[in-house]
Amino acid sequence: MDTNQHNFDTLFTQLGLQTDIDRFVAEHRPLAADLHIWQAPFWSQAQADFLRESIEGDSDWAEMVDELDRRLH
């Protein structure tokens, strides 16, 4: 079982992104209100799948993905 605390740095590392979260959000917001985070056009298929599975499966990443979703909207 993964007992690590997840934060934006670990989420961005998991997604294969640089950890400049503020810059990423500034460059990619706002998302359309009716768009799920994983439907955004800037994700690779693997990233989108990870985000969707995190939310739909209520994984231990879900809280951080929800927070990123909130910031992007």
PDB file of N, CA and C in Angstrom:
ATOM      1  N   MET A   1       0.843  -1.179   0.000  1.00  0.00           N
ATOM      2  CA  MET A   1       0.000   0.000   0.000  1.00  0.00           C
ATOM      3  C   MET A   1       0.884   1.237   0.000  1.00  0.00           C
ATOM      4  N   ASP A   2       0.542   2.201  -0.831  1.00  0.00           N
ATOM      5  CA  ASP A   2       1.267   3.467  -0.913  1.00  0.00           C
ATOM      6  C   ASP A   2       0.802   4.372   0.219  1.00  0.00           C
ATOM      7  N   THR A   3       1.709   4.673   1.149  1.00  0.00           N
ATOM      8  CA  THR A   3       1.345   5.521   2.280  1.00  0.00           C
ATOM      9  C   THR A   3       1.926   6.921   2.151  1.00  0.00           C
ATOM     10  N   ASN A   4       2.496   7.232   1.000  1.00  0.00           N
ATOM     11  CA  ASN A   4       3.058   8.561   0.780  1.00  0.00           C
ATOM     12  C   ASN A   4       1.956   9.594   0.700  1.00  0.00           C
ATOM     13  N   GLN A   5       2.240  10.775   1.218  1.00  0.00           N
ATOM     14  CA  GLN A   5       1.323  11.898   1.068  1.00  0.00           C
ATOM     15  C   GLN A   5       1.541  12.491  -0.316  1.00  0.00           C
ATOM     16  N   HIS A   6       0.481  12.662  -1.049  1.00  0.00           N
ATOM     17  CA  HIS A   6       0.592  13.242  -2.378  1.00  0.00           C
ATOM     18  C   HIS A   6       0.403  14.749  -2.289  1.00  0.00           C
ATOM     19  N   ASN A   7       1.153  15.458  -3.127  1.00  0.00           N
ATOM     20  CA  ASN A   7       1.033  16.906  -3.238  1.00  0.00           C
ATOM     21  C   ASN A   7       1.194  17.252  -4.712  1.00  0.00           C
ATOM     22  N   PHE A   8       1.178  18.538  -5.033  1.00  0.00           N
ATOM     23  CA  PHE A   8       1.284  18.912  -6.442  1.00  0.00           C
ATOM     24  C   PHE A   8       2.614  18.486  -7.049  1.00  0.00           C
ATOM     25  N   ASP A   9       3.689  18.570  -6.305  1.00  0.00           N
ATOM     26  CA  ASP A   9       4.977  18.142  -6.848  1.00  0.00           C
ATOM     27  C   ASP A   9       4.947  16.669  -7.230  1.00  0.00           C
ATOM     28  N   THR A  10       4.402  15.825  -6.354  1.00  0.00           N
ATOM     29  CA  THR A  10       4.363  14.399  -6.672  1.00  0.00           C
ATOM     30  C   THR A  10       3.359  14.101  -7.783  1.00  0.00           C
ATOM     31  N   LEU A  11       2.260  14.841  -7.838  1.00  0.00           N
ATOM     32  CA  LEU A  11       1.297  14.660  -8.928  1.00  0.00           C
ATOM     33  C   LEU A  11       1.933  15.026 -10.261  1.00  0.00           C
ATOM     34  N   PHE A  12       2.624  16.163 -10.310  1.00  0.00           N
ATOM     35  CA  PHE A  12       3.247  16.576 -11.560  1.00  0.00           C
ATOM     36  C   PHE A  12       4.356  15.614 -11.963  1.00  0.00           C
ATOM     37  N   THR A  13       5.089  15.092 -11.002  1.00  0.00           N
ATOM     38  CA  THR A  13       6.098  14.078 -11.306  1.00  0.00           C
ATOM     39  C   THR A  13       5.426  12.836 -11.879  1.00  0.00           C
ATOM     40  N   GLN A  14       4.325  12.414 -11.274  1.00  0.00           N
ATOM     41  CA  GLN A  14       3.567  11.254 -11.762  1.00  0.00           C
ATOM     42  C   GLN A  14       3.095  11.478 -13.201  1.00  0.00           C
ATOM     43  N   LEU A  15       2.732  12.716 -13.520  1.00  0.00           N
ATOM     44  CA  LEU A  15       2.260  13.052 -14.867  1.00  0.00           C
ATOM     45  C   LEU A  15       3.404  13.314 -15.844  1.00  0.00           C
ATOM     46  N   GLY A  16       4.643  13.303 -15.350  1.00  0.00           N
ATOM     47  CA  GLY A  16       5.795  13.543 -16.212  1.00  0.00           C
ATOM     48  C   GLY A  16       5.969  15.005 -16.576  1.00  0.00           C
ATOM     49  N   LEU A  17       5.523  15.897 -15.700  1.00  0.00           N
ATOM     50  CA  LEU A  17       5.585  17.336 -15.957  1.00  0.00           C
ATOM     51  C   LEU A  17       6.598  18.006 -15.045  1.00  0.00           C
ATOM     52  N   GLN A  18       7.090  19.165 -15.486  1.00  0.00           N
ATOM     53  CA  GLN A  18       7.901  20.006 -14.612  1.00  0.00           C
ATOM     54  C   GLN A  18       7.038  20.432 -13.436  1.00  0.00           C
ATOM     55  N   THR A  19       7.635  20.677 -12.300  1.00  0.00           N
ATOM     56  CA  THR A  19       6.855  20.983 -11.104  1.00  0.00           C
ATOM     57  C   THR A  19       6.600  22.473 -10.912  1.00  0.00           C
ATOM     58  N   ASP A  20       6.596  23.242 -11.983  1.00  0.00           N
ATOM     59  CA  ASP A  20       6.233  24.659 -11.908  1.00  0.00           C
ATOM     60  C   ASP A  20       4.711  24.754 -12.044  1.00  0.00           C
ATOM     61  N   ILE A  21       4.032  24.455 -10.959  1.00  0.00           N
ATOM     62  CA  ILE A  21       2.577  24.328 -10.949  1.00  0.00           C
ATOM     63  C   ILE A  21       1.892  25.635 -11.304  1.00  0.00           C
ATOM     64  N   ASP A  22       2.343  26.738 -10.708  1.00  0.00           N
ATOM     65  CA  ASP A  22       1.711  28.036 -10.971  1.00  0.00           C
ATOM     66  C   ASP A  22       1.791  28.404 -12.447  1.00  0.00           C
ATOM     67  N   ARG A  23       2.924  28.150 -13.057  1.00  0.00           N
ATOM     68  CA  ARG A  23       3.084  28.451 -14.485  1.00  0.00           C
ATOM     69  C   ARG A  23       2.163  27.565 -15.329  1.00  0.00           C
ATOM     70  N   PHE A  24       2.120  26.279 -15.006  1.00  0.00           N
ATOM     71  CA  PHE A  24       1.266  25.351 -15.740  1.00  0.00           C
ATOM     72  C   PHE A  24      -0.186  25.802 -15.683  1.00  0.00           C
ATOM     73  N   VAL A  25      -0.652  26.126 -14.491  1.00  0.00           N
ATOM     74  CA  VAL A  25      -2.045  26.557 -14.322  1.00  0.00           C
ATOM     75  C   VAL A  25      -2.290  27.846 -15.091  1.00  0.00           C
ATOM     76  N   ALA A  26      -1.377  28.796 -14.996  1.00  0.00           N
ATOM     77  CA  ALA A  26      -1.539  30.069 -15.700  1.00  0.00           C
ATOM     78  C   ALA A  26      -1.608  29.871 -17.212  1.00  0.00           C
ATOM     79  N   GLU A  27      -0.844  28.933 -17.734  1.00  0.00           N
ATOM     80  CA  GLU A  27      -0.809  28.685 -19.178  1.00  0.00           C
ATOM     81  C   GLU A  27      -2.020  27.905 -19.683  1.00  0.00           C
ATOM     82  N   HIS A  28      -2.698  27.161 -18.816  1.00  0.00           N
ATOM     83  CA  HIS A  28      -3.751  26.257 -19.281  1.00  0.00           C
ATOM     84  C   HIS A  28      -5.151  26.573 -18.780  1.00  0.00           C
ATOM     85  N   ARG A  29      -5.296  27.601 -17.998  1.00  0.00           N
ATOM     86  CA  ARG A  29      -6.633  27.930 -17.510  1.00  0.00           C
ATOM     87  C   ARG A  29      -7.200  29.063 -18.332  1.00  0.00           C
ATOM     88  N   PRO A  30      -8.449  29.247 -18.379  1.00  0.00           N
ATOM     89  CA  PRO A  30      -9.478  28.441 -17.736  1.00  0.00           C
ATOM     90  C   PRO A  30      -9.963  27.320 -18.659  1.00  0.00           C
ATOM     91  N   LEU A  31     -10.313  26.215 -18.048  1.00  0.00           N
ATOM     92  CA  LEU A  31     -10.978  25.144 -18.787  1.00  0.00           C
ATOM     93  C   LEU A  31     -12.465  25.469 -18.861  1.00  0.00           C
ATOM     94  N   ALA A  32     -13.098  25.042 -19.923  1.00  0.00           N
ATOM     95  CA  ALA A  32     -14.548  25.218 -20.041  1.00  0.00           C
ATOM     96  C   ALA A  32     -15.227  24.511 -18.870  1.00  0.00           C
ATOM     97  N   ALA A  33     -16.273  25.110 -18.366  1.00  0.00           N
ATOM     98  CA  ALA A  33     -16.957  24.588 -17.178  1.00  0.00           C
ATOM     99  C   ALA A  33     -17.466  23.159 -17.369  1.00  0.00           C
ATOM    100  N   ASP A  34     -17.841  22.807 -18.596  1.00  0.00           N
ATOM    101  CA  ASP A  34     -18.401  21.475 -18.845  1.00  0.00           C
ATOM    102  C   ASP A  34     -17.343  20.435 -19.235  1.00  0.00           C
ATOM    103  N   LEU A  35     -16.073  20.797 -19.150  1.00  0.00           N
ATOM    104  CA  LEU A  35     -14.984  19.910 -19.553  1.00  0.00           C
ATOM    105  C   LEU A  35     -14.388  19.229 -18.325  1.00  0.00           C
ATOM    106  N   HIS A  36     -14.347  17.897 -18.346  1.00  0.00           N
ATOM    107  CA  HIS A  36     -13.645  17.167 -17.288  1.00  0.00           C
ATOM    108  C   HIS A  36     -12.154  17.422 -17.445  1.00  0.00           C
ATOM    109  N   ILE A  37     -11.433  17.411 -16.355  1.00  0.00           N
ATOM    110  CA  ILE A  37     -10.000  17.695 -16.408  1.00  0.00           C
ATOM    111  C   ILE A  37      -9.283  16.784 -17.404  1.00  0.00           C
ATOM    112  N   TRP A  38      -9.669  15.521 -17.468  1.00  0.00           N
ATOM    113  CA  TRP A  38      -8.978  14.588 -18.361  1.00  0.00           C
ATOM    114  C   TRP A  38      -9.327  14.806 -19.832  1.00  0.00           C
ATOM    115  N   GLN A  39     -10.331  15.628 -20.112  1.00  0.00           N
ATOM    116  CA  GLN A  39     -10.707  15.916 -21.494  1.00  0.00           C
ATOM    117  C   GLN A  39      -9.957  17.111 -22.073  1.00  0.00           C
ATOM    118  N   ALA A  40      -9.171  17.790 -21.263  1.00  0.00           N
ATOM    119  CA  ALA A  40      -8.434  18.957 -21.745  1.00  0.00           C
ATOM    120  C   ALA A  40      -7.467  18.524 -22.846  1.00  0.00           C
ATOM    121  N   PRO A  41      -7.334  19.340 -23.891  1.00  0.00           N
ATOM    122  CA  PRO A  41      -6.552  18.937 -25.055  1.00  0.00           C
ATOM    123  C   PRO A  41      -5.043  18.887 -24.835  1.00  0.00           C
ATOM    124  N   PHE A  42      -4.550  19.404 -23.745  1.00  0.00           N
ATOM    125  CA  PHE A  42      -3.102  19.460 -23.538  1.00  0.00           C
ATOM    126  C   PHE A  42      -2.516  18.207 -22.890  1.00  0.00           C
ATOM    127  N   TRP A  43      -3.364  17.251 -22.487  1.00  0.00           N
ATOM    128  CA  TRP A  43      -2.854  16.020 -21.889  1.00  0.00           C
ATOM    129  C   TRP A  43      -2.523  14.992 -22.961  1.00  0.00           C
ATOM    130  N   SER A  44      -1.510  14.182 -22.705  1.00  0.00           N
ATOM    131  CA  SER A  44      -1.284  13.005 -23.545  1.00  0.00           C
ATOM    132  C   SER A  44      -2.366  11.987 -23.190  1.00  0.00           C
ATOM    133  N   GLN A  45      -2.508  10.962 -23.989  1.00  0.00           N
ATOM    134  CA  GLN A  45      -3.512   9.935 -23.690  1.00  0.00           C
ATOM    135  C   GLN A  45      -3.224   9.271 -22.346  1.00  0.00           C
ATOM    136  N   ALA A  46      -1.958   8.986 -22.069  1.00  0.00           N
ATOM    137  CA  ALA A  46      -1.595   8.342 -20.802  1.00  0.00           C
ATOM    138  C   ALA A  46      -1.910   9.251 -19.613  1.00  0.00           C
ATOM    139  N   GLN A  47      -1.629  10.538 -19.739  1.00  0.00           N
ATOM    140  CA  GLN A  47      -1.942  11.484 -18.661  1.00  0.00           C
ATOM    141  C   GLN A  47      -3.451  11.568 -18.447  1.00  0.00           C
ATOM    142  N   ALA A  48      -4.197  11.671 -19.538  1.00  0.00           N
ATOM    143  CA  ALA A  48      -5.657  11.758 -19.449  1.00  0.00           C
ATOM    144  C   ALA A  48      -6.231  10.504 -18.792  1.00  0.00           C
ATOM    145  N   ASP A  49      -5.716   9.342 -19.171  1.00  0.00           N
ATOM    146  CA  ASP A  49      -6.183   8.089 -18.571  1.00  0.00           C
ATOM    147  C   ASP A  49      -5.906   8.065 -17.072  1.00  0.00           C
ATOM    148  N   PHE A  50      -4.712   8.496 -16.681  1.00  0.00           N
ATOM    149  CA  PHE A  50      -4.359   8.530 -15.262  1.00  0.00           C
ATOM    150  C   PHE A  50      -5.306   9.446 -14.493  1.00  0.00           C
ATOM    151  N   LEU A  51      -5.570  10.635 -15.017  1.00  0.00           N
ATOM    152  CA  LEU A  51      -6.453  11.592 -14.347  1.00  0.00           C
ATOM    153  C   LEU A  51      -7.874  11.042 -14.230  1.00  0.00           C
ATOM    154  N   ARG A  52      -8.381  10.479 -15.324  1.00  0.00           N
ATOM    155  CA  ARG A  52      -9.739   9.915 -15.312  1.00  0.00           C
ATOM    156  C   ARG A  52      -9.839   8.765 -14.320  1.00  0.00           C
ATOM    157  N   GLU A  53      -8.885   7.854 -14.366  1.00  0.00           N
ATOM    158  CA  GLU A  53      -8.903   6.704 -13.464  1.00  0.00           C
ATOM    159  C   GLU A  53      -8.746   7.133 -12.004  1.00  0.00           C
ATOM    160  N   SER A  54      -7.977   8.179 -11.768  1.00  0.00           N
ATOM    161  CA  SER A  54      -7.811   8.681 -10.396  1.00  0.00           C
ATOM    162  C   SER A  54      -9.131   9.168  -9.828  1.00  0.00           C
ATOM    163  N   ILE A  55      -9.891   9.897 -10.631  1.00  0.00           N
ATOM    164  CA  ILE A  55     -11.172  10.434 -10.176  1.00  0.00           C
ATOM    165  C   ILE A  55     -12.232   9.335 -10.124  1.00  0.00           C
ATOM    166  N   GLU A  56     -12.396   8.621 -11.219  1.00  0.00           N
ATOM    167  CA  GLU A  56     -13.458   7.618 -11.278  1.00  0.00           C
ATOM    168  C   GLU A  56     -13.227   6.467 -10.304  1.00  0.00           C
ATOM    169  N   GLY A  57     -11.965   6.134 -10.066  1.00  0.00           N
ATOM    170  CA  GLY A  57     -11.652   5.050  -9.146  1.00  0.00           C
ATOM    171  C   GLY A  57     -11.442   5.509  -7.717  1.00  0.00           C
ATOM    172  N   ASP A  58     -11.596   6.811  -7.492  1.00  0.00           N
ATOM    173  CA  ASP A  58     -11.392   7.404  -6.165  1.00  0.00           C
ATOM    174  C   ASP A  58     -10.075   6.923  -5.558  1.00  0.00           C
ATOM    175  N   SER A  59      -9.020   7.019  -6.363  1.00  0.00           N
ATOM    176  CA  SER A  59      -7.705   6.563  -5.914  1.00  0.00           C
ATOM    177  C   SER A  59      -7.121   7.535  -4.896  1.00  0.00           C
ATOM    178  N   ASP A  60      -5.958   7.180  -4.373  1.00  0.00           N
ATOM    179  CA  ASP A  60      -5.316   8.067  -3.414  1.00  0.00           C
ATOM    180  C   ASP A  60      -4.820   9.359  -4.067  1.00  0.00           C
ATOM    181  N   TRP A  61      -4.837   9.428  -5.383  1.00  0.00           N
ATOM    182  CA  TRP A  61      -4.492  10.652  -6.110  1.00  0.00           C
ATOM    183  C   TRP A  61      -5.697  11.563  -6.306  1.00  0.00           C
ATOM    184  N   ALA A  62      -6.889  11.086  -6.050  1.00  0.00           N
ATOM    185  CA  ALA A  62      -8.115  11.817  -6.388  1.00  0.00           C
ATOM    186  C   ALA A  62      -8.167  13.211  -5.769  1.00  0.00           C
ATOM    187  N   GLU A  63      -7.742  13.355  -4.542  1.00  0.00           N
ATOM    188  CA  GLU A  63      -7.799  14.663  -3.882  1.00  0.00           C
ATOM    189  C   GLU A  63      -6.924  15.691  -4.597  1.00  0.00           C
ATOM    190  N   MET A  64      -5.724  15.294  -4.995  1.00  0.00           N
ATOM    191  CA  MET A  64      -4.834  16.226  -5.693  1.00  0.00           C
ATOM    192  C   MET A  64      -5.339  16.507  -7.108  1.00  0.00           C
ATOM    193  N   VAL A  65      -5.885  15.503  -7.779  1.00  0.00           N
ATOM    194  CA  VAL A  65      -6.445  15.717  -9.114  1.00  0.00           C
ATOM    195  C   VAL A  65      -7.642  16.659  -9.021  1.00  0.00           C
ATOM    196  N   ASP A  66      -8.477  16.488  -8.011  1.00  0.00           N
ATOM    197  CA  ASP A  66      -9.604  17.411  -7.798  1.00  0.00           C
ATOM    198  C   ASP A  66      -9.119  18.841  -7.584  1.00  0.00           C
ATOM    199  N   GLU A  67      -8.063  19.002  -6.805  1.00  0.00           N
ATOM    200  CA  GLU A  67      -7.527  20.345  -6.550  1.00  0.00           C
ATOM    201  C   GLU A  67      -6.968  20.958  -7.832  1.00  0.00           C
ATOM    202  N   LEU A  68      -6.265  20.168  -8.632  1.00  0.00           N
ATOM    203  CA  LEU A  68      -5.762  20.669  -9.910  1.00  0.00           C
ATOM    204  C   LEU A  68      -6.928  21.046 -10.814  1.00  0.00           C
ATOM    205  N   ASP A  69      -7.958  20.226 -10.836  1.00  0.00           N
ATOM    206  CA  ASP A  69      -9.161  20.516 -11.619  1.00  0.00           C
ATOM    207  C   ASP A  69      -9.768  21.854 -11.194  1.00  0.00           C
ATOM    208  N   ARG A  70      -9.873  22.061  -9.901  1.00  0.00           N
ATOM    209  CA  ARG A  70     -10.427  23.314  -9.381  1.00  0.00           C
ATOM    210  C   ARG A  70      -9.582  24.508  -9.835  1.00  0.00           C
ATOM    211  N   ARG A  71      -8.276  24.374  -9.764  1.00  0.00           N
ATOM    212  CA  ARG A  71      -7.395  25.484 -10.158  1.00  0.00           C
ATOM    213  C   ARG A  71      -7.458  25.766 -11.659  1.00  0.00           C
ATOM    214  N   LEU A  72      -7.642  24.727 -12.450  1.00  0.00           N
ATOM    215  CA  LEU A  72      -7.695  24.924 -13.901  1.00  0.00           C
ATOM    216  C   LEU A  72      -9.033  25.485 -14.366  1.00  0.00           C
ATOM    217  N   HIS A  73     -10.073  25.275 -13.598  1.00  0.00           N
ATOM    218  CA  HIS A  73     -11.373  25.826 -13.955  1.00  0.00           C
ATOM    219  C   HIS A  73     -11.492  27.222 -13.398  1.00  0.00           C
TER     220      HIS A  73
END
